[in-house]
Amino acid sequence: LVFLGLSLWYAYTIGKDHIITLMTALYISAFPFFFIPGLRDWIPQVEALSPDIIILIAFGVLFFLTFYFLTRNDFFAAPIVPSLWEIAVFTILFVGLFTAVVGSLLSPDFFTPSQIVNIAFMSQEALLVWSVAPIISYMVIKGN
């Protein structure tokens, strides 16, 4: 809930120009963790840190770098800025997708979600909805 609030605040203030870029960076940075077999074996292990923390750090670094390079690319510098309700929709979809991705990266030993969080973000059906909904919103919402 706090993350959703902070994300909405960011999206309505300085993030309105970058919400689509954030969502795209999330898709790009999550892809290797789900679809490249053995990626977890390639990431160096540090004895002082849990493997889940290492995965989160690797994901965070990849997400930040992807976002940084996408914002420097003129491809996402469209003159269309989403309206307030479009920003809200994209932000909620971003937070849902981000929560589902991060929750999926963590082992059950490290993170045990509540029943509501498990149903809303971690179940197979929820992962499918959070993965597909932003793409559908890209197709449906045209912008001003």
N, C-alpha and C. Protein backbone atom coordinates (compact mmCIF):
# COMPACT_ATOMS: atom_id res chain seq x y z
N LEU A 1 0.82 -1.19 0.00
CA LEU A 1 0.00 0.00 0.00
C LEU A 1 0.87 1.26 0.00
N VAL A 2 1.95 1.23 0.79
CA VAL A 2 2.87 2.37 0.82
C VAL A 2 3.54 2.52 -0.54
N PHE A 3 3.94 1.39 -1.13
CA PHE A 3 4.58 1.43 -2.45
C PHE A 3 3.62 2.00 -3.50
N LEU A 4 2.35 1.62 -3.43
CA LEU A 4 1.36 2.15 -4.35
C LEU A 4 1.22 3.66 -4.17
N GLY A 5 1.17 4.11 -2.92
CA GLY A 5 1.07 5.54 -2.65
C GLY A 5 2.27 6.32 -3.17
N LEU A 6 3.47 5.81 -2.92
CA LEU A 6 4.68 6.47 -3.41
C LEU A 6 4.74 6.47 -4.93
N SER A 7 4.30 5.37 -5.54
CA SER A 7 4.30 5.29 -7.00
C SER A 7 3.31 6.27 -7.61
N LEU A 8 2.14 6.39 -7.01
CA LEU A 8 1.16 7.37 -7.50
C LEU A 8 1.69 8.79 -7.36
N TRP A 9 2.32 9.07 -6.22
CA TRP A 9 2.90 10.40 -6.01
C TRP A 9 3.96 10.69 -7.08
N TYR A 10 4.86 9.72 -7.32
CA TYR A 10 5.90 9.90 -8.34
C TYR A 10 5.28 10.10 -9.72
N ALA A 11 4.29 9.26 -10.04
CA ALA A 11 3.69 9.33 -11.37
C ALA A 11 2.99 10.66 -11.61
N TYR A 12 2.36 11.21 -10.60
CA TYR A 12 1.64 12.47 -10.79
C TYR A 12 2.56 13.68 -10.73
N THR A 13 3.75 13.54 -10.20
CA THR A 13 4.64 14.69 -10.11
C THR A 13 5.65 14.66 -11.26
N ILE A 14 6.76 13.99 -11.07
CA ILE A 14 7.81 14.02 -12.10
C ILE A 14 7.77 12.82 -13.03
N GLY A 15 7.00 11.80 -12.69
CA GLY A 15 7.04 10.58 -13.48
C GLY A 15 6.08 10.51 -14.64
N LYS A 16 5.23 11.53 -14.80
CA LYS A 16 4.21 11.43 -15.85
C LYS A 16 4.83 11.32 -17.24
N ASP A 17 6.01 11.86 -17.42
CA ASP A 17 6.68 11.76 -18.71
C ASP A 17 7.38 10.42 -18.90
N HIS A 18 7.53 9.65 -17.82
CA HIS A 18 8.32 8.42 -17.89
C HIS A 18 7.56 7.15 -17.49
N ILE A 19 6.25 7.21 -17.29
CA ILE A 19 5.53 6.04 -16.81
C ILE A 19 5.56 4.91 -17.83
N ILE A 20 5.45 5.23 -19.11
CA ILE A 20 5.52 4.20 -20.15
C ILE A 20 6.94 3.63 -20.21
N THR A 21 7.93 4.48 -20.07
CA THR A 21 9.31 4.03 -20.07
C THR A 21 9.59 3.13 -18.87
N LEU A 22 9.04 3.48 -17.71
CA LEU A 22 9.19 2.64 -16.52
C LEU A 22 8.60 1.25 -16.74
N MET A 23 7.42 1.21 -17.31
CA MET A 23 6.76 -0.07 -17.56
C MET A 23 7.57 -0.90 -18.56
N THR A 24 8.06 -0.27 -19.60
CA THR A 24 8.86 -0.99 -20.59
C THR A 24 10.16 -1.49 -19.98
N ALA A 25 10.80 -0.67 -19.15
CA ALA A 25 12.03 -1.10 -18.48
C ALA A 25 11.76 -2.27 -17.55
N LEU A 26 10.61 -2.29 -16.91
CA LEU A 26 10.25 -3.40 -16.03
C LEU A 26 10.11 -4.70 -16.83
N TYR A 27 9.42 -4.64 -17.96
CA TYR A 27 9.29 -5.83 -18.81
C TYR A 27 10.66 -6.32 -19.28
N ILE A 28 11.49 -5.40 -19.75
CA ILE A 28 12.80 -5.78 -20.28
C ILE A 28 13.69 -6.36 -19.19
N SER A 29 13.70 -5.77 -18.01
CA SER A 29 14.58 -6.23 -16.94
C SER A 29 14.07 -7.51 -16.27
N ALA A 30 12.77 -7.76 -16.30
CA ALA A 30 12.23 -8.98 -15.70
C ALA A 30 12.41 -10.18 -16.63
N PHE A 31 12.43 -9.94 -17.91
CA PHE A 31 12.50 -11.02 -18.89
C PHE A 31 13.64 -12.02 -18.63
N PRO A 32 14.88 -11.56 -18.44
CA PRO A 32 15.96 -12.54 -18.25
C PRO A 32 15.77 -13.43 -17.02
N PHE A 33 15.19 -12.90 -15.96
CA PHE A 33 15.04 -13.68 -14.73
C PHE A 33 14.02 -14.80 -14.87
N PHE A 34 13.08 -14.65 -15.81
CA PHE A 34 12.05 -15.65 -15.99
C PHE A 34 12.31 -16.59 -17.17
N PHE A 35 13.07 -16.13 -18.17
CA PHE A 35 13.16 -16.90 -19.40
C PHE A 35 14.56 -17.34 -19.79
N ILE A 36 15.58 -17.00 -19.04
CA ILE A 36 16.92 -17.50 -19.32
C ILE A 36 17.25 -18.56 -18.28
N PRO A 37 17.28 -19.82 -18.70
CA PRO A 37 17.55 -20.89 -17.73
C PRO A 37 18.94 -20.74 -17.11
N GLY A 38 19.02 -20.96 -15.82
CA GLY A 38 20.30 -20.94 -15.13
C GLY A 38 20.86 -19.57 -14.84
N LEU A 39 20.07 -18.53 -15.05
CA LEU A 39 20.58 -17.17 -14.80
C LEU A 39 20.99 -17.00 -13.34
N ARG A 40 20.23 -17.61 -12.44
CA ARG A 40 20.56 -17.50 -11.02
C ARG A 40 21.92 -18.09 -10.71
N ASP A 41 22.36 -19.07 -11.48
CA ASP A 41 23.68 -19.67 -11.28
C ASP A 41 24.79 -18.75 -11.76
N TRP A 42 24.51 -17.86 -12.70
CA TRP A 42 25.52 -16.95 -13.22
C TRP A 42 25.78 -15.77 -12.30
N ILE A 43 24.80 -15.44 -11.47
CA ILE A 43 24.94 -14.29 -10.58
C ILE A 43 25.85 -14.70 -9.42
N PRO A 44 26.92 -13.95 -9.18
CA PRO A 44 27.84 -14.33 -8.10
C PRO A 44 27.17 -14.30 -6.73
N GLN A 45 27.53 -15.23 -5.90
CA GLN A 45 26.97 -15.33 -4.55
C GLN A 45 27.93 -14.68 -3.55
N VAL A 46 27.37 -13.98 -2.60
CA VAL A 46 28.14 -13.35 -1.52
C VAL A 46 27.68 -14.01 -0.23
N GLU A 47 28.63 -14.54 0.52
CA GLU A 47 28.26 -15.30 1.72
C GLU A 47 27.48 -14.47 2.73
N ALA A 48 27.76 -13.19 2.82
CA ALA A 48 27.11 -12.36 3.83
C ALA A 48 25.66 -12.04 3.48
N LEU A 49 25.26 -12.26 2.21
CA LEU A 49 23.91 -11.92 1.78
C LEU A 49 23.14 -13.16 1.34
N SER A 50 21.87 -13.12 1.56
CA SER A 50 20.99 -14.20 1.12
C SER A 50 20.91 -14.20 -0.41
N PRO A 51 20.74 -15.37 -1.03
CA PRO A 51 20.59 -15.41 -2.50
C PRO A 51 19.42 -14.56 -3.00
N ASP A 52 18.36 -14.44 -2.20
CA ASP A 52 17.23 -13.61 -2.59
C ASP A 52 17.61 -12.13 -2.65
N ILE A 53 18.42 -11.69 -1.72
CA ILE A 53 18.89 -10.30 -1.73
C ILE A 53 19.76 -10.05 -2.96
N ILE A 54 20.61 -11.00 -3.29
CA ILE A 54 21.47 -10.88 -4.48
C ILE A 54 20.60 -10.78 -5.74
N ILE A 55 19.56 -11.60 -5.84
CA ILE A 55 18.65 -11.56 -6.99
C ILE A 55 17.95 -10.20 -7.06
N LEU A 56 17.49 -9.70 -5.92
CA LEU A 56 16.83 -8.38 -5.91
C LEU A 56 17.79 -7.27 -6.32
N ILE A 57 19.03 -7.34 -5.85
CA ILE A 57 20.03 -6.34 -6.23
C ILE A 57 20.31 -6.41 -7.73
N ALA A 58 20.48 -7.63 -8.25
CA ALA A 58 20.73 -7.80 -9.69
C ALA A 58 19.56 -7.27 -10.51
N PHE A 59 18.33 -7.59 -10.08
CA PHE A 59 17.14 -7.10 -10.77
C PHE A 59 17.07 -5.57 -10.69
N GLY A 60 17.32 -5.01 -9.51
CA GLY A 60 17.29 -3.56 -9.35
C GLY A 60 18.31 -2.84 -10.22
N VAL A 61 19.52 -3.38 -10.29
CA VAL A 61 20.56 -2.78 -11.12
C VAL A 61 20.16 -2.85 -12.60
N LEU A 62 19.68 -4.01 -13.03
CA LEU A 62 19.26 -4.16 -14.42
C LEU A 62 18.08 -3.24 -14.73
N PHE A 63 17.13 -3.13 -13.80
CA PHE A 63 15.97 -2.25 -13.99
C PHE A 63 16.41 -0.79 -14.09
N PHE A 64 17.28 -0.35 -13.19
CA PHE A 64 17.76 1.03 -13.21
C PHE A 64 18.52 1.33 -14.51
N LEU A 65 19.43 0.43 -14.90
CA LEU A 65 20.21 0.66 -16.12
C LEU A 65 19.31 0.68 -17.36
N THR A 66 18.35 -0.23 -17.41
CA THR A 66 17.43 -0.26 -18.54
C THR A 66 16.62 1.03 -18.61
N PHE A 67 16.09 1.45 -17.46
CA PHE A 67 15.33 2.70 -17.42
C PHE A 67 16.20 3.89 -17.83
N TYR A 68 17.43 3.94 -17.33
CA TYR A 68 18.34 5.03 -17.64
C TYR A 68 18.59 5.12 -19.15
N PHE A 69 18.92 3.98 -19.77
CA PHE A 69 19.22 4.01 -21.19
C PHE A 69 17.97 4.26 -22.05
N LEU A 70 16.81 3.79 -21.60
CA LEU A 70 15.59 4.07 -22.35
C LEU A 70 15.19 5.54 -22.27
N THR A 71 15.46 6.19 -21.14
CA THR A 71 15.13 7.62 -21.04
C THR A 71 16.08 8.48 -21.88
N ARG A 72 17.24 7.96 -22.18
CA ARG A 72 18.20 8.70 -23.01
C ARG A 72 17.93 8.47 -24.50
N ASN A 73 17.02 7.58 -24.82
CA ASN A 73 16.69 7.24 -26.18
C ASN A 73 15.51 8.10 -26.62
N ASP A 74 15.56 8.69 -27.78
CA ASP A 74 14.49 9.55 -28.26
C ASP A 74 13.23 8.79 -28.64
N PHE A 75 13.29 7.48 -28.66
CA PHE A 75 12.13 6.68 -29.00
C PHE A 75 10.97 6.93 -28.04
N PHE A 76 11.29 7.15 -26.76
CA PHE A 76 10.25 7.38 -25.75
C PHE A 76 9.99 8.85 -25.49
N ALA A 77 10.51 9.73 -26.31
CA ALA A 77 10.32 11.17 -26.13
C ALA A 77 9.14 11.67 -26.96
N ALA A 78 8.05 10.96 -26.88
CA ALA A 78 6.86 11.34 -27.65
C ALA A 78 6.27 12.63 -27.10
N PRO A 79 5.65 13.43 -27.96
CA PRO A 79 5.05 14.69 -27.48
C PRO A 79 3.75 14.47 -26.70
N ILE A 80 3.26 13.25 -26.65
CA ILE A 80 2.01 12.96 -25.97
C ILE A 80 2.29 12.60 -24.51
N VAL A 81 1.68 13.34 -23.60
CA VAL A 81 1.79 13.05 -22.18
C VAL A 81 0.44 12.49 -21.72
N PRO A 82 0.44 11.37 -21.00
CA PRO A 82 -0.85 10.80 -20.57
C PRO A 82 -1.62 11.77 -19.67
N SER A 83 -2.95 11.68 -19.74
CA SER A 83 -3.80 12.50 -18.87
C SER A 83 -3.74 11.93 -17.45
N LEU A 84 -4.39 12.62 -16.51
CA LEU A 84 -4.33 12.20 -15.10
C LEU A 84 -4.89 10.79 -14.90
N TRP A 85 -6.03 10.48 -15.52
CA TRP A 85 -6.59 9.15 -15.31
C TRP A 85 -5.75 8.08 -16.00
N GLU A 86 -5.12 8.42 -17.12
CA GLU A 86 -4.24 7.47 -17.80
C GLU A 86 -2.99 7.20 -16.95
N ILE A 87 -2.46 8.24 -16.33
CA ILE A 87 -1.31 8.07 -15.44
C ILE A 87 -1.68 7.16 -14.28
N ALA A 88 -2.86 7.36 -13.71
CA ALA A 88 -3.31 6.52 -12.60
C ALA A 88 -3.42 5.06 -13.02
N VAL A 89 -3.99 4.81 -14.18
CA VAL A 89 -4.13 3.43 -14.67
C VAL A 89 -2.76 2.81 -14.89
N PHE A 90 -1.87 3.51 -15.59
CA PHE A 90 -0.53 2.98 -15.84
C PHE A 90 0.25 2.77 -14.55
N THR A 91 0.08 3.65 -13.57
CA THR A 91 0.79 3.51 -12.30
C THR A 91 0.30 2.29 -11.53
N ILE A 92 -1.00 2.10 -11.47
CA ILE A 92 -1.53 0.92 -10.78
C ILE A 92 -1.07 -0.36 -11.47
N LEU A 93 -1.08 -0.36 -12.79
CA LEU A 93 -0.60 -1.53 -13.52
C LEU A 93 0.90 -1.75 -13.30
N PHE A 94 1.67 -0.66 -13.23
CA PHE A 94 3.11 -0.78 -12.97
C PHE A 94 3.35 -1.37 -11.58
N VAL A 95 2.66 -0.85 -10.58
CA VAL A 95 2.84 -1.35 -9.21
C VAL A 95 2.43 -2.82 -9.11
N GLY A 96 1.32 -3.19 -9.74
CA GLY A 96 0.91 -4.58 -9.73
C GLY A 96 1.91 -5.49 -10.40
N LEU A 97 2.39 -5.09 -11.57
CA LEU A 97 3.38 -5.89 -12.28
C LEU A 97 4.70 -5.96 -11.50
N PHE A 98 5.12 -4.83 -10.95
CA PHE A 98 6.37 -4.79 -10.17
C PHE A 98 6.26 -5.70 -8.95
N THR A 99 5.14 -5.65 -8.24
CA THR A 99 4.94 -6.50 -7.06
C THR A 99 4.93 -7.98 -7.46
N ALA A 100 4.27 -8.31 -8.56
CA ALA A 100 4.22 -9.69 -9.02
C ALA A 100 5.61 -10.18 -9.43
N VAL A 101 6.39 -9.35 -10.11
CA VAL A 101 7.73 -9.74 -10.54
C VAL A 101 8.64 -9.94 -9.33
N VAL A 102 8.68 -8.97 -8.44
CA VAL A 102 9.56 -9.08 -7.27
C VAL A 102 9.14 -10.25 -6.38
N GLY A 103 7.84 -10.42 -6.18
CA GLY A 103 7.36 -11.56 -5.39
C GLY A 103 7.71 -12.89 -6.01
N SER A 104 7.71 -12.95 -7.33
CA SER A 104 8.06 -14.19 -8.02
C SER A 104 9.55 -14.49 -7.96
N LEU A 105 10.37 -13.46 -7.84
CA LEU A 105 11.81 -13.66 -7.77
C LEU A 105 12.26 -14.19 -6.41
N LEU A 106 11.48 -13.95 -5.38
CA LEU A 106 11.86 -14.33 -4.02
C LEU A 106 11.43 -15.76 -3.72
N SER A 107 12.25 -16.45 -2.96
CA SER A 107 11.92 -17.82 -2.55
C SER A 107 10.91 -17.78 -1.41
N PRO A 108 10.12 -18.85 -1.26
CA PRO A 108 9.13 -18.89 -0.16
C PRO A 108 9.79 -18.83 1.22
N ASP A 109 11.05 -19.25 1.32
CA ASP A 109 11.76 -19.16 2.61
C ASP A 109 12.04 -17.72 2.99
N PHE A 110 12.25 -16.87 2.00
CA PHE A 110 12.61 -15.48 2.25
C PHE A 110 11.39 -14.60 2.45
N PHE A 111 10.34 -14.87 1.68
CA PHE A 111 9.15 -14.00 1.70
C PHE A 111 7.91 -14.88 1.66
N THR A 112 7.11 -14.79 2.71
CA THR A 112 5.85 -15.50 2.76
C THR A 112 4.73 -14.46 2.75
N PRO A 113 4.07 -14.31 1.60
CA PRO A 113 3.04 -13.27 1.50
C PRO A 113 1.77 -13.66 2.24
N SER A 114 0.98 -12.67 2.57
CA SER A 114 -0.32 -12.93 3.18
C SER A 114 -1.23 -13.58 2.13
N GLN A 115 -2.34 -14.10 2.59
CA GLN A 115 -3.27 -14.76 1.68
C GLN A 115 -3.77 -13.80 0.60
N ILE A 116 -4.07 -12.57 0.98
CA ILE A 116 -4.57 -11.58 0.02
C ILE A 116 -3.50 -11.25 -1.01
N VAL A 117 -2.27 -11.00 -0.56
CA VAL A 117 -1.17 -10.69 -1.48
C VAL A 117 -0.90 -11.89 -2.38
N ASN A 118 -0.96 -13.07 -1.82
CA ASN A 118 -0.73 -14.28 -2.62
C ASN A 118 -1.76 -14.41 -3.73
N ILE A 119 -3.02 -14.18 -3.40
CA ILE A 119 -4.08 -14.29 -4.40
C ILE A 119 -3.98 -13.15 -5.42
N ALA A 120 -3.73 -11.94 -4.95
CA ALA A 120 -3.75 -10.77 -5.82
C ALA A 120 -2.51 -10.64 -6.71
N PHE A 121 -1.35 -11.18 -6.27
CA PHE A 121 -0.12 -10.95 -7.02
C PHE A 121 0.69 -12.20 -7.34
N MET A 122 0.61 -13.25 -6.53
CA MET A 122 1.52 -14.37 -6.68
C MET A 122 0.93 -15.61 -7.34
N SER A 123 -0.38 -15.71 -7.40
CA SER A 123 -0.97 -16.90 -8.02
C SER A 123 -0.70 -16.87 -9.52
N GLN A 124 -0.82 -18.01 -10.17
CA GLN A 124 -0.58 -18.09 -11.60
C GLN A 124 -1.55 -17.19 -12.38
N GLU A 125 -2.80 -17.17 -11.94
CA GLU A 125 -3.79 -16.33 -12.61
C GLU A 125 -3.44 -14.86 -12.46
N ALA A 126 -3.02 -14.46 -11.25
CA ALA A 126 -2.65 -13.06 -11.01
C ALA A 126 -1.43 -12.67 -11.84
N LEU A 127 -0.44 -13.55 -11.90
CA LEU A 127 0.75 -13.26 -12.71
C LEU A 127 0.37 -13.06 -14.18
N LEU A 128 -0.55 -13.87 -14.66
CA LEU A 128 -1.00 -13.72 -16.04
C LEU A 128 -1.69 -12.37 -16.24
N VAL A 129 -2.59 -12.02 -15.32
CA VAL A 129 -3.31 -10.74 -15.43
C VAL A 129 -2.35 -9.56 -15.35
N TRP A 130 -1.43 -9.56 -14.37
CA TRP A 130 -0.51 -8.44 -14.21
C TRP A 130 0.48 -8.36 -15.37
N SER A 131 0.75 -9.47 -16.03
CA SER A 131 1.67 -9.46 -17.17
C SER A 131 1.01 -8.96 -18.44
N VAL A 132 -0.26 -9.27 -18.62
CA VAL A 132 -0.96 -8.95 -19.86
C VAL A 132 -1.69 -7.61 -19.78
N ALA A 133 -2.18 -7.22 -18.62
CA ALA A 133 -2.98 -5.99 -18.49
C ALA A 133 -2.25 -4.73 -18.97
N PRO A 134 -0.97 -4.52 -18.64
CA PRO A 134 -0.31 -3.32 -19.16
C PRO A 134 -0.22 -3.31 -20.69
N ILE A 135 0.00 -4.46 -21.29
CA ILE A 135 0.09 -4.53 -22.74
C ILE A 135 -1.26 -4.17 -23.37
N ILE A 136 -2.33 -4.71 -22.79
CA ILE A 136 -3.67 -4.38 -23.29
C ILE A 136 -3.96 -2.89 -23.10
N SER A 137 -3.52 -2.34 -21.95
CA SER A 137 -3.75 -0.91 -21.73
C SER A 137 -3.00 -0.06 -22.74
N TYR A 138 -1.81 -0.51 -23.17
CA TYR A 138 -1.08 0.21 -24.22
C TYR A 138 -1.90 0.27 -25.50
N MET A 139 -2.60 -0.82 -25.80
CA MET A 139 -3.37 -0.88 -27.05
C MET A 139 -4.67 -0.09 -26.95
N VAL A 140 -5.28 -0.04 -25.77
CA VAL A 140 -6.59 0.58 -25.60
C VAL A 140 -6.49 2.09 -25.37
N ILE A 141 -5.55 2.49 -24.52
CA ILE A 141 -5.42 3.92 -24.18
C ILE A 141 -4.58 4.61 -25.23
N LYS A 142 -5.13 5.61 -25.84
CA LYS A 142 -4.47 6.28 -26.96
C LYS A 142 -3.68 7.52 -26.55
N GLY A 143 -4.02 8.16 -25.45
CA GLY A 143 -3.34 9.39 -25.05
C GLY A 143 -3.96 10.60 -25.74
N ASN A 144 -3.61 11.78 -25.24
CA ASN A 144 -4.19 13.03 -25.79
C ASN A 144 -3.25 13.64 -26.80
